[in-house]
């Protein structure tokens, strides 16, 4: 994902998916890599469990996808893309 696209998407992410730094506990999955995993599955049509490991855990990527759908993130991405490229 190009840096320009990532910078446009970050403000549209729901708070739970936005990149953060935690001081303790288990490290959180990288938001950019996880979003790239979601886009990979949506573009290729592969099953979630067939997601290449370098894009993150299939379970984590799918969970973030479900949260993003319920939070309306993908609708916001679509609307922002239409405003920008229309």
N, C-alpha and C. Protein backbone atom coordinates (compact mmCIF):
# COMPACT_ATOMS: atom_id res chain seq x y z
N UNK A 1 0.85 -1.17 0.00
CA UNK A 1 0.00 0.00 0.00
C UNK A 1 0.90 1.24 0.00
N UNK A 2 0.69 2.13 -0.96
CA UNK A 2 1.51 3.34 -1.01
C UNK A 2 1.32 4.20 0.24
N UNK A 3 2.37 4.92 0.61
CA UNK A 3 2.31 5.78 1.79
C UNK A 3 1.20 6.83 1.68
N UNK A 4 1.00 7.37 0.49
CA UNK A 4 -0.02 8.41 0.29
C UNK A 4 -1.42 7.85 0.60
N UNK A 5 -1.69 6.63 0.17
CA UNK A 5 -2.99 6.01 0.45
C UNK A 5 -3.13 5.72 1.94
N UNK A 6 -2.09 5.21 2.55
CA UNK A 6 -2.13 4.91 3.98
C UNK A 6 -2.42 6.17 4.80
N UNK A 7 -1.75 7.27 4.46
CA UNK A 7 -1.97 8.52 5.19
C UNK A 7 -3.40 9.04 5.03
N UNK A 8 -4.03 8.75 3.89
CA UNK A 8 -5.42 9.16 3.69
C UNK A 8 -6.39 8.26 4.46
N UNK A 9 -6.01 7.01 4.68
CA UNK A 9 -6.90 6.05 5.34
C UNK A 9 -6.84 6.16 6.86
N UNK A 10 -5.70 6.46 7.43
CA UNK A 10 -5.54 6.48 8.90
C UNK A 10 -6.61 7.30 9.62
N UNK A 11 -6.93 8.52 9.16
CA UNK A 11 -7.96 9.28 9.89
C UNK A 11 -9.36 8.65 9.81
N UNK A 12 -9.57 7.76 8.86
CA UNK A 12 -10.88 7.14 8.68
C UNK A 12 -11.04 5.84 9.47
N UNK A 13 -9.95 5.35 10.05
CA UNK A 13 -10.02 4.11 10.80
C UNK A 13 -10.78 4.29 12.11
N UNK A 14 -11.59 3.29 12.49
CA UNK A 14 -12.24 3.37 13.80
C UNK A 14 -11.17 3.31 14.89
N UNK A 15 -11.44 3.88 16.07
CA UNK A 15 -10.42 3.94 17.13
C UNK A 15 -9.80 2.59 17.48
N UNK A 16 -10.58 1.53 17.45
CA UNK A 16 -10.05 0.22 17.82
C UNK A 16 -9.02 -0.27 16.80
N UNK A 17 -9.08 0.19 15.56
CA UNK A 17 -8.16 -0.27 14.53
C UNK A 17 -7.04 0.72 14.24
N UNK A 18 -7.12 1.90 14.80
CA UNK A 18 -6.10 2.91 14.56
C UNK A 18 -4.76 2.47 15.16
N UNK A 19 -3.66 2.82 14.52
CA UNK A 19 -2.36 2.44 15.06
C UNK A 19 -2.08 3.10 16.40
N UNK A 20 -1.65 2.32 17.37
CA UNK A 20 -1.30 2.83 18.70
C UNK A 20 -0.07 2.12 19.20
N UNK A 21 0.60 2.75 20.14
CA UNK A 21 1.74 2.11 20.81
C UNK A 21 1.31 1.76 22.22
N UNK A 22 1.51 0.50 22.58
CA UNK A 22 1.15 0.06 23.92
C UNK A 22 2.42 -0.13 24.73
N UNK A 23 2.31 0.16 26.01
CA UNK A 23 3.49 0.05 26.88
C UNK A 23 3.62 -1.32 27.51
N UNK A 24 2.50 -2.01 27.64
CA UNK A 24 2.58 -3.33 28.27
C UNK A 24 1.58 -4.26 27.59
N UNK A 25 1.69 -5.52 27.91
CA UNK A 25 0.79 -6.51 27.34
C UNK A 25 1.28 -7.01 25.99
N UNK A 26 0.45 -7.82 25.39
CA UNK A 26 0.79 -8.40 24.10
C UNK A 26 0.81 -7.30 23.03
N UNK A 27 1.82 -7.30 22.17
CA UNK A 27 1.87 -6.27 21.13
C UNK A 27 0.68 -6.40 20.17
N UNK A 28 0.14 -5.29 19.79
CA UNK A 28 -1.00 -5.26 18.89
C UNK A 28 -0.54 -5.52 17.46
N UNK A 29 -1.40 -6.13 16.67
CA UNK A 29 -1.08 -6.36 15.26
C UNK A 29 -0.89 -5.02 14.56
N UNK A 30 0.03 -4.97 13.62
CA UNK A 30 0.30 -3.75 12.88
C UNK A 30 -0.91 -3.40 12.02
N UNK A 31 -1.43 -2.21 12.18
CA UNK A 31 -2.66 -1.79 11.49
C UNK A 31 -2.48 -1.77 9.98
N UNK A 32 -1.36 -1.29 9.52
CA UNK A 32 -1.13 -1.20 8.06
C UNK A 32 -1.04 -2.58 7.43
N UNK A 33 -0.28 -3.46 8.03
CA UNK A 33 -0.15 -4.82 7.51
C UNK A 33 -1.48 -5.55 7.55
N UNK A 34 -2.24 -5.35 8.62
CA UNK A 34 -3.54 -6.00 8.74
C UNK A 34 -4.49 -5.50 7.67
N UNK A 35 -4.49 -4.20 7.41
CA UNK A 35 -5.35 -3.65 6.36
C UNK A 35 -4.91 -4.16 4.99
N UNK A 36 -3.61 -4.31 4.78
CA UNK A 36 -3.13 -4.88 3.53
C UNK A 36 -3.61 -6.32 3.38
N UNK A 37 -3.67 -7.06 4.49
CA UNK A 37 -4.20 -8.42 4.46
C UNK A 37 -5.67 -8.45 4.08
N UNK A 38 -6.44 -7.51 4.60
CA UNK A 38 -7.86 -7.42 4.27
C UNK A 38 -8.02 -7.14 2.78
N UNK A 39 -7.27 -6.17 2.27
CA UNK A 39 -7.35 -5.82 0.85
C UNK A 39 -6.93 -7.01 0.00
N UNK A 40 -5.91 -7.74 0.42
CA UNK A 40 -5.45 -8.91 -0.31
C UNK A 40 -6.57 -9.93 -0.47
N UNK A 41 -7.25 -10.24 0.62
CA UNK A 41 -8.34 -11.22 0.57
C UNK A 41 -9.47 -10.72 -0.31
N UNK A 42 -9.83 -9.45 -0.18
CA UNK A 42 -10.93 -8.90 -0.96
C UNK A 42 -10.60 -8.85 -2.46
N UNK A 43 -9.36 -8.58 -2.79
CA UNK A 43 -8.98 -8.49 -4.21
C UNK A 43 -8.77 -9.86 -4.84
N UNK A 44 -8.19 -10.79 -4.11
CA UNK A 44 -7.90 -12.10 -4.70
C UNK A 44 -9.05 -13.08 -4.58
N UNK A 45 -9.91 -12.87 -3.57
CA UNK A 45 -11.01 -13.80 -3.35
C UNK A 45 -10.59 -15.07 -2.64
N UNK A 46 -9.37 -15.08 -2.11
CA UNK A 46 -8.90 -16.29 -1.41
C UNK A 46 -9.63 -16.42 -0.07
N UNK A 47 -9.57 -17.61 0.49
CA UNK A 47 -10.16 -17.83 1.80
C UNK A 47 -9.29 -17.15 2.85
N UNK A 48 -9.93 -16.79 3.96
CA UNK A 48 -9.19 -16.12 5.03
C UNK A 48 -8.04 -16.99 5.51
N UNK A 49 -8.26 -18.29 5.62
CA UNK A 49 -7.20 -19.18 6.12
C UNK A 49 -6.07 -19.38 5.12
N UNK A 50 -6.28 -18.96 3.87
CA UNK A 50 -5.23 -19.06 2.85
C UNK A 50 -4.40 -17.79 2.77
N UNK A 51 -4.65 -16.85 3.65
CA UNK A 51 -3.91 -15.59 3.66
C UNK A 51 -2.44 -15.85 3.93
N UNK A 52 -1.54 -15.29 3.12
CA UNK A 52 -0.11 -15.49 3.38
C UNK A 52 0.27 -14.99 4.77
N UNK A 53 1.11 -15.72 5.45
CA UNK A 53 1.47 -15.41 6.84
C UNK A 53 2.13 -14.05 6.99
N UNK A 54 2.82 -13.58 5.94
CA UNK A 54 3.50 -12.28 6.04
C UNK A 54 2.51 -11.12 6.12
N UNK A 55 1.23 -11.39 5.85
CA UNK A 55 0.20 -10.36 5.99
C UNK A 55 -0.50 -10.44 7.34
N UNK A 56 -0.04 -11.31 8.19
CA UNK A 56 -0.60 -11.42 9.54
C UNK A 56 -1.39 -12.69 9.73
N UNK A 57 -1.84 -12.89 10.92
CA UNK A 57 -2.65 -14.04 11.26
C UNK A 57 -4.01 -13.92 10.57
N UNK A 58 -4.44 -14.99 9.91
CA UNK A 58 -5.73 -14.97 9.21
C UNK A 58 -6.86 -14.66 10.20
N UNK A 59 -6.75 -15.19 11.38
CA UNK A 59 -7.79 -14.97 12.39
C UNK A 59 -7.86 -13.48 12.80
N UNK A 60 -6.71 -12.88 13.01
CA UNK A 60 -6.65 -11.46 13.39
C UNK A 60 -7.16 -10.58 12.26
N UNK A 61 -6.72 -10.86 11.04
CA UNK A 61 -7.12 -10.05 9.89
C UNK A 61 -8.64 -10.15 9.70
N UNK A 62 -9.19 -11.35 9.83
CA UNK A 62 -10.64 -11.52 9.68
C UNK A 62 -11.40 -10.80 10.79
N UNK A 63 -10.89 -10.88 12.00
CA UNK A 63 -11.54 -10.19 13.13
C UNK A 63 -11.55 -8.68 12.90
N UNK A 64 -10.44 -8.13 12.44
CA UNK A 64 -10.36 -6.70 12.16
C UNK A 64 -11.31 -6.34 11.02
N UNK A 65 -11.43 -7.21 10.01
CA UNK A 65 -12.35 -6.98 8.91
C UNK A 65 -13.79 -6.90 9.42
N UNK A 66 -14.17 -7.86 10.26
CA UNK A 66 -15.53 -7.86 10.80
C UNK A 66 -15.79 -6.60 11.62
N UNK A 67 -14.84 -6.21 12.43
CA UNK A 67 -15.01 -4.98 13.22
C UNK A 67 -15.13 -3.77 12.30
N UNK A 68 -14.30 -3.70 11.28
CA UNK A 68 -14.33 -2.58 10.35
C UNK A 68 -15.66 -2.49 9.61
N UNK A 69 -16.23 -3.63 9.25
CA UNK A 69 -17.53 -3.63 8.58
C UNK A 69 -18.60 -3.09 9.52
N UNK A 70 -18.62 -3.59 10.75
CA UNK A 70 -19.63 -3.15 11.72
C UNK A 70 -19.46 -1.68 12.10
N UNK A 71 -18.23 -1.18 12.09
CA UNK A 71 -17.96 0.21 12.45
C UNK A 71 -18.16 1.17 11.28
N UNK A 72 -18.42 0.63 10.08
CA UNK A 72 -18.65 1.48 8.91
C UNK A 72 -17.38 2.00 8.26
N UNK A 73 -16.24 1.42 8.58
CA UNK A 73 -14.96 1.91 8.07
C UNK A 73 -14.88 1.79 6.55
N UNK A 74 -15.33 0.68 6.01
CA UNK A 74 -15.20 0.48 4.57
C UNK A 74 -16.13 1.41 3.79
N UNK A 75 -17.26 1.74 4.36
CA UNK A 75 -18.15 2.72 3.75
C UNK A 75 -17.46 4.08 3.72
N UNK A 76 -16.77 4.45 4.80
CA UNK A 76 -16.03 5.72 4.84
C UNK A 76 -14.90 5.73 3.83
N UNK A 77 -14.19 4.58 3.69
CA UNK A 77 -13.11 4.48 2.70
C UNK A 77 -13.66 4.72 1.30
N UNK A 78 -14.79 4.08 1.00
CA UNK A 78 -15.41 4.20 -0.32
C UNK A 78 -15.82 5.65 -0.59
N UNK A 79 -16.48 6.28 0.36
CA UNK A 79 -16.93 7.66 0.19
C UNK A 79 -15.75 8.61 0.02
N UNK A 80 -14.69 8.41 0.79
CA UNK A 80 -13.51 9.27 0.67
C UNK A 80 -12.86 9.07 -0.69
N UNK A 81 -12.81 7.84 -1.18
CA UNK A 81 -12.25 7.57 -2.49
C UNK A 81 -13.06 8.23 -3.60
N UNK A 82 -14.38 8.19 -3.46
CA UNK A 82 -15.24 8.85 -4.47
C UNK A 82 -15.01 10.36 -4.47
N UNK A 83 -14.92 10.95 -3.28
CA UNK A 83 -14.68 12.40 -3.20
C UNK A 83 -13.33 12.78 -3.79
N UNK A 84 -12.34 11.95 -3.55
CA UNK A 84 -10.98 12.27 -3.98
C UNK A 84 -10.77 12.06 -5.47
N UNK A 85 -11.32 10.98 -6.00
CA UNK A 85 -11.00 10.62 -7.38
C UNK A 85 -12.14 10.88 -8.37
N UNK A 86 -13.24 11.42 -7.91
CA UNK A 86 -14.35 11.69 -8.81
C UNK A 86 -14.14 12.99 -9.56
